[in-house]
């Protein structure tokens, strides 16, 4: 079987992420004369395969098993390691999602592979390897990093990716490898799933963030902010002043010295808009600022 150069881990439940990764993988594969393959673990929608084919994927590795109904770090890592060892891709791409950030470094450690996290630009050099650009110092600077040990594993920020259809589209070949899951390797199991209260979700993962600053005036106003966040289904964040005043805990600080918010909606209430705060919200799609 012909080797596939660039692989992507397809998270079926995240709508356009597999297509974004496929477009990026196709760009890398074009430079190296290789192919693009996608790996699905768990349930795979039938129309997802055709969509991936339109974006350059030629083969899809589909692994499904009743034991994979719930996400398991150990099981997924075992499967990815076995597939990577058998088919030997050059590059394996993940999105910087909670699952991608969990799996990619584990897979790299298991394989002794090169790993670069949180990339915003990728290039594949036949002689040098995988060359990536990634933010450092809270996004205030960028570093160019090279992964040398093969396979080359990277997580890339979905916000910097675009969905681009391939010039020649086809229906990918579906391969269903036999993977024997070893339950004895799994040290965890899902006992119960509890839906998170949107207000308590980490600001870096929330789709809606309501942040407060100096303009809040006093802690008594927080009750109103919590009510607003509840109506919007959002998480509460804040500026440095809000943290210093004790209005919000430090882990909810948004900005260069705190968390980055990549929300669908970012509502800034009474925040001056200083650079050290706005540097942490540039990934948000819609920002609404309300003065005091």
Protein backbone atom coordinates (compact mmCIF):
# COMPACT_ATOMS: atom_id res chain seq x y z
CA UNK A 1 0.00 0.00 0.00
CA UNK A 2 1.30 3.43 -0.96
CA UNK A 3 2.34 5.51 2.01
CA UNK A 4 0.24 8.55 2.89
CA UNK A 5 2.37 11.54 3.76
CA UNK A 6 -0.03 13.70 5.77
CA UNK A 7 -2.68 12.48 8.19
CA UNK A 8 -5.31 14.38 10.10
CA UNK A 9 -7.29 13.38 13.16
CA UNK A 10 -10.94 14.01 12.28
CA UNK A 11 -13.23 15.00 15.14
CA UNK A 12 -16.62 14.28 13.62
CA UNK A 13 -18.56 16.24 16.23
CA UNK A 14 -16.75 19.49 15.38
CA UNK A 15 -18.43 20.60 12.16
CA UNK A 16 -15.80 22.16 9.92
CA UNK A 17 -12.58 21.23 11.72
CA UNK A 18 -11.89 18.06 9.66
CA UNK A 19 -12.38 20.05 6.45
CA UNK A 20 -10.04 22.79 7.65
CA UNK A 21 -7.39 20.22 8.61
CA UNK A 22 -7.89 18.43 5.28
CA UNK A 23 -7.28 21.67 3.39
CA UNK A 24 -4.11 22.33 5.38
CA UNK A 25 -2.94 18.73 4.98
CA UNK A 26 -3.52 18.94 1.22
CA UNK A 27 -1.34 22.04 1.06
CA UNK A 28 1.47 20.23 2.88
CA UNK A 29 1.06 17.07 0.81
CA UNK A 30 1.20 19.02 -2.45
CA UNK A 31 4.62 20.32 -1.50
CA UNK A 32 5.95 16.83 -0.81
CA UNK A 33 4.14 14.94 -3.55
CA UNK A 34 2.23 12.88 -1.00
CA UNK A 35 -1.36 12.02 -0.11
CA UNK A 36 -3.79 13.00 2.60
CA UNK A 37 -5.49 10.53 4.93
CA UNK A 38 -8.03 11.09 7.70
CA UNK A 39 -8.46 9.03 10.86
CA UNK A 40 -11.93 8.66 12.39
CA UNK A 41 -12.26 6.97 15.76
CA UNK A 42 -15.77 6.15 16.91
CA UNK A 43 -18.94 6.99 15.01
CA UNK A 44 -18.43 8.38 11.51
CA UNK A 45 -21.13 10.12 9.49
CA UNK A 46 -21.49 8.81 5.92
CA UNK A 47 -21.58 12.27 4.35
CA UNK A 48 -18.38 13.24 6.18
CA UNK A 49 -16.36 10.91 3.95
CA UNK A 50 -17.60 12.52 0.75
CA UNK A 51 -16.95 16.00 2.15
CA UNK A 52 -13.37 15.03 3.01
CA UNK A 53 -12.85 13.70 -0.50
CA UNK A 54 -13.81 17.08 -1.93
CA UNK A 55 -11.05 18.63 0.18
CA UNK A 56 -8.21 16.36 -0.86
CA UNK A 57 -8.49 13.28 1.37
CA UNK A 58 -7.82 10.04 -0.55
CA UNK A 59 -8.12 7.50 2.27
CA UNK A 60 -10.09 7.35 5.50
CA UNK A 61 -9.09 5.05 8.36
CA UNK A 62 -12.29 4.31 10.30
CA UNK A 63 -12.05 2.58 13.68
CA UNK A 64 -15.33 1.86 15.41
CA UNK A 65 -16.03 -0.32 18.40
CA UNK A 66 -18.66 -0.33 21.19
CA UNK A 67 -15.80 0.37 23.60
CA UNK A 68 -15.17 3.67 21.79
CA UNK A 69 -18.63 5.08 22.42
CA UNK A 70 -17.14 7.34 25.08
CA UNK A 71 -13.86 9.17 24.56
CA UNK A 72 -10.92 7.46 26.24
CA UNK A 73 -7.45 9.00 26.19
CA UNK A 74 -5.71 5.63 26.58
CA UNK A 75 -7.80 3.85 23.94
CA UNK A 76 -7.51 6.62 21.36
CA UNK A 77 -3.76 6.93 21.92
CA UNK A 78 -3.35 3.16 21.54
CA UNK A 79 -5.26 3.16 18.25
CA UNK A 80 -3.41 6.14 16.80
CA UNK A 81 -0.04 4.70 17.83
CA UNK A 82 -0.79 1.35 16.20
CA UNK A 83 -1.96 2.96 12.95
CA UNK A 84 0.99 5.33 12.85
CA UNK A 85 3.48 2.52 13.46
CA UNK A 86 1.91 0.38 10.73
CA UNK A 87 1.37 2.96 7.97
CA UNK A 88 4.15 5.42 8.90
CA UNK A 89 2.76 8.83 7.88
CA UNK A 90 5.17 11.74 7.66
CA UNK A 91 2.93 14.26 9.43
CA UNK A 92 -0.08 13.87 11.76
CA UNK A 93 -2.22 16.98 12.31
CA UNK A 94 -4.62 17.74 15.16
CA UNK A 95 -6.73 20.80 15.88
CA UNK A 96 -6.01 22.76 19.05
CA UNK A 97 -9.21 21.50 20.64
CA UNK A 98 -9.49 19.94 24.09
CA UNK A 99 -9.29 16.49 22.50
CA UNK A 100 -6.48 17.38 20.11
CA UNK A 101 -4.46 18.98 22.90
CA UNK A 102 -4.94 15.81 24.94
CA UNK A 103 -4.07 13.28 22.25
CA UNK A 104 -1.29 14.87 20.21
CA UNK A 105 1.38 15.13 22.95
CA UNK A 106 0.49 11.67 24.25
CA UNK A 107 0.90 10.18 20.79
CA UNK A 108 4.21 12.00 20.31
CA UNK A 109 5.49 10.72 23.65
CA UNK A 110 4.35 7.17 22.86
CA UNK A 111 6.15 7.22 19.49
CA UNK A 112 9.16 9.33 20.47
CA UNK A 113 8.09 11.67 17.67
CA UNK A 114 8.64 15.37 16.99
CA UNK A 115 5.85 17.54 18.36
CA UNK A 116 4.92 21.22 17.96
CA UNK A 117 1.88 22.67 19.73
CA UNK A 118 -0.44 25.56 18.92
CA UNK A 119 0.86 26.33 15.43
CA UNK A 120 -0.52 29.13 13.29
CA UNK A 121 1.44 28.27 10.12
CA UNK A 122 2.95 25.03 8.82
CA UNK A 123 5.34 24.17 6.00
CA UNK A 124 6.84 20.82 5.07
CA UNK A 125 10.46 20.90 3.93
CA UNK A 126 11.79 17.64 2.48
CA UNK A 127 15.24 18.24 3.97
CA UNK A 128 14.49 20.15 7.18
CA UNK A 129 11.18 18.55 8.21
CA UNK A 130 8.07 20.25 9.56
CA UNK A 131 8.60 23.99 10.01
CA UNK A 132 6.00 25.81 12.10
CA UNK A 133 5.28 29.31 13.26
CA UNK A 134 3.67 29.62 16.69
CA UNK A 135 2.84 32.43 19.13
CA UNK A 136 4.97 32.94 22.23
CA UNK A 137 4.92 35.42 25.14
CA UNK A 138 1.13 35.49 25.21
CA UNK A 139 0.88 36.13 21.49
CA UNK A 140 3.17 39.18 21.56
CA UNK A 141 5.80 37.43 19.41
CA UNK A 142 6.10 34.47 17.04
CA UNK A 143 8.71 31.73 16.98
CA UNK A 144 9.75 29.49 14.10
CA UNK A 145 10.18 25.89 15.25
CA UNK A 146 11.29 22.73 13.44
CA UNK A 147 10.27 19.16 14.34
CA UNK A 148 12.95 16.66 13.36
CA UNK A 149 11.97 13.24 14.73
CA UNK A 150 9.54 11.40 12.43
CA UNK A 151 6.57 11.20 12.41
CA UNK A 152 6.02 14.94 12.80
CA UNK A 153 3.03 15.70 15.01
CA UNK A 154 1.45 19.13 15.38
CA UNK A 155 -1.62 20.87 16.71
CA UNK A 156 -2.79 23.87 14.71
CA UNK A 157 -5.22 26.61 15.67
CA UNK A 158 -8.47 26.13 13.65
CA UNK A 159 -8.99 29.91 13.62
CA UNK A 160 -6.09 30.38 11.19
CA UNK A 161 -7.31 27.67 8.79
CA UNK A 162 -9.58 28.02 5.79
CA UNK A 163 -11.77 25.45 4.08
CA UNK A 164 -10.53 25.03 0.51
CA UNK A 165 -11.74 22.42 -1.94
CA UNK A 166 -9.18 20.35 -3.80
CA UNK A 167 -8.74 20.78 -7.54
CA UNK A 168 -9.59 17.15 -8.23
CA UNK A 169 -12.17 15.62 -5.88
CA UNK A 170 -12.97 11.97 -5.41
CA UNK A 171 -14.58 9.58 -2.95
CA UNK A 172 -11.95 8.42 -0.44
CA UNK A 173 -11.17 4.76 0.06
CA UNK A 174 -12.44 3.63 3.46
CA UNK A 175 -10.09 1.34 5.37
CA UNK A 176 -11.31 -0.37 8.52
CA UNK A 177 -8.20 -1.64 10.29
CA UNK A 178 -8.54 -4.34 12.92
CA UNK A 179 -7.40 -2.85 16.17
CA UNK A 180 -7.56 -4.99 19.30
CA UNK A 181 -8.39 -2.73 22.19
CA UNK A 182 -6.74 -3.68 25.46
CA UNK A 183 -8.96 -2.69 28.34
CA UNK A 184 -6.15 -3.42 30.76
CA UNK A 185 -4.30 -0.37 29.32
CA UNK A 186 -7.14 1.95 30.26
CA UNK A 187 -6.86 3.35 33.76
CA UNK A 188 -10.01 5.44 33.46
CA UNK A 189 -13.62 4.89 32.52
CA UNK A 190 -16.60 7.20 32.04
CA UNK A 191 -18.99 6.84 34.96
CA UNK A 192 -21.27 9.78 34.25
CA UNK A 193 -21.43 12.87 32.08
CA UNK A 194 -22.60 16.10 33.68
CA UNK A 195 -23.36 19.08 31.48
CA UNK A 196 -21.22 22.02 32.51
CA UNK A 197 -22.72 25.23 33.78
CA UNK A 198 -21.81 27.74 31.02
CA UNK A 199 -20.85 30.34 33.62
CA UNK A 200 -18.16 28.07 35.04
CA UNK A 201 -16.67 26.98 31.68
CA UNK A 202 -13.08 28.13 31.18
CA UNK A 203 -13.01 31.43 29.28
CA UNK A 204 -10.55 29.94 26.78
CA UNK A 205 -13.13 27.30 25.78
CA UNK A 206 -16.42 29.22 26.05
CA UNK A 207 -18.35 30.24 22.95
CA UNK A 208 -19.74 33.28 24.77
CA UNK A 209 -17.69 35.33 27.25
CA UNK A 210 -18.97 38.23 29.34
CA UNK A 211 -16.01 40.19 30.74
CA UNK A 212 -15.91 43.08 33.20
CA UNK A 213 -13.39 45.82 33.89
CA UNK A 214 -12.92 48.95 35.96
CA UNK A 215 -16.25 50.31 34.72
CA UNK A 216 -18.09 47.70 36.81
CA UNK A 217 -17.52 50.04 39.75
CA UNK A 218 -18.27 47.66 42.62
CA UNK A 219 -18.59 43.94 43.34
CA UNK A 220 -22.32 44.30 44.03
CA UNK A 221 -22.85 44.69 40.28
CA UNK A 222 -21.57 41.16 39.67
CA UNK A 223 -25.01 39.71 40.35
CA UNK A 224 -26.33 41.53 37.28
CA UNK A 225 -23.35 40.29 35.23
CA UNK A 226 -24.03 36.72 36.31
CA UNK A 227 -27.69 37.08 35.31
CA UNK A 228 -26.64 38.40 31.89
CA UNK A 229 -24.15 35.56 31.42
CA UNK A 230 -26.88 33.11 32.37
CA UNK A 231 -29.24 34.51 29.74
CA UNK A 232 -26.53 34.38 27.05
CA UNK A 233 -25.21 30.97 28.15
CA UNK A 234 -21.79 32.54 28.60
CA UNK A 235 -18.75 32.32 30.84
CA UNK A 236 -17.54 35.24 32.99
CA UNK A 237 -14.10 36.78 32.51
CA UNK A 238 -12.44 40.08 33.23
CA UNK A 239 -9.53 42.47 32.90
CA UNK A 240 -6.53 42.89 35.20
CA UNK A 241 -8.36 45.55 37.22
CA UNK A 242 -11.28 43.17 37.83
CA UNK A 243 -8.83 40.59 39.17
CA UNK A 244 -6.91 43.10 41.30
CA UNK A 245 -10.18 44.34 42.81
CA UNK A 246 -11.13 40.76 43.68
CA UNK A 247 -14.24 40.82 41.49
CA UNK A 248 -13.23 37.75 39.52
CA UNK A 249 -10.64 35.02 40.26
CA UNK A 250 -7.25 35.09 38.53
CA UNK A 251 -8.02 31.99 36.46
CA UNK A 252 -10.68 34.07 34.64
CA UNK A 253 -8.28 36.86 33.67
CA UNK A 254 -8.36 37.54 29.91
CA UNK A 255 -5.30 39.07 28.30
CA UNK A 256 -1.55 38.73 27.80
CA UNK A 257 -0.98 37.62 31.40
CA UNK A 258 -4.10 35.43 31.50
CA UNK A 259 -6.24 33.40 29.11
CA UNK A 260 -6.95 33.88 25.42
CA UNK A 261 -10.66 34.02 24.55
CA UNK A 262 -11.68 32.73 21.11
CA UNK A 263 -15.40 33.15 21.57
CA UNK A 264 -18.20 33.47 19.05
CA UNK A 265 -19.32 36.48 21.11
CA UNK A 266 -17.09 38.48 23.46
CA UNK A 267 -18.93 41.10 25.51
CA UNK A 268 -16.57 43.64 27.15
CA UNK A 269 -18.32 45.61 29.90
CA UNK A 270 -16.53 48.66 31.28
CA UNK A 271 -13.12 47.60 29.91
CA UNK A 272 -10.75 50.32 28.66
CA UNK A 273 -9.33 48.23 25.82
CA UNK A 274 -5.64 48.33 26.74
CA UNK A 275 -3.31 46.23 24.55
CA UNK A 276 -2.59 43.70 27.28
CA UNK A 277 -6.32 42.86 27.35
CA UNK A 278 -7.19 43.09 23.65
CA UNK A 279 -4.26 40.80 22.78
CA UNK A 280 -6.21 38.03 24.49
CA UNK A 281 -9.45 38.49 22.56
CA UNK A 282 -8.23 38.79 18.95
CA UNK A 283 -9.45 35.28 18.19
CA UNK A 284 -13.07 36.16 19.04
CA UNK A 285 -15.44 36.49 16.08
CA UNK A 286 -17.71 39.24 17.42
CA UNK A 287 -16.59 41.73 20.08
CA UNK A 288 -19.07 44.14 21.63
CA UNK A 289 -17.74 46.83 23.96
CA UNK A 290 -20.03 48.64 26.39
CA UNK A 291 -18.70 51.63 28.35
CA UNK A 292 -19.49 52.45 31.96
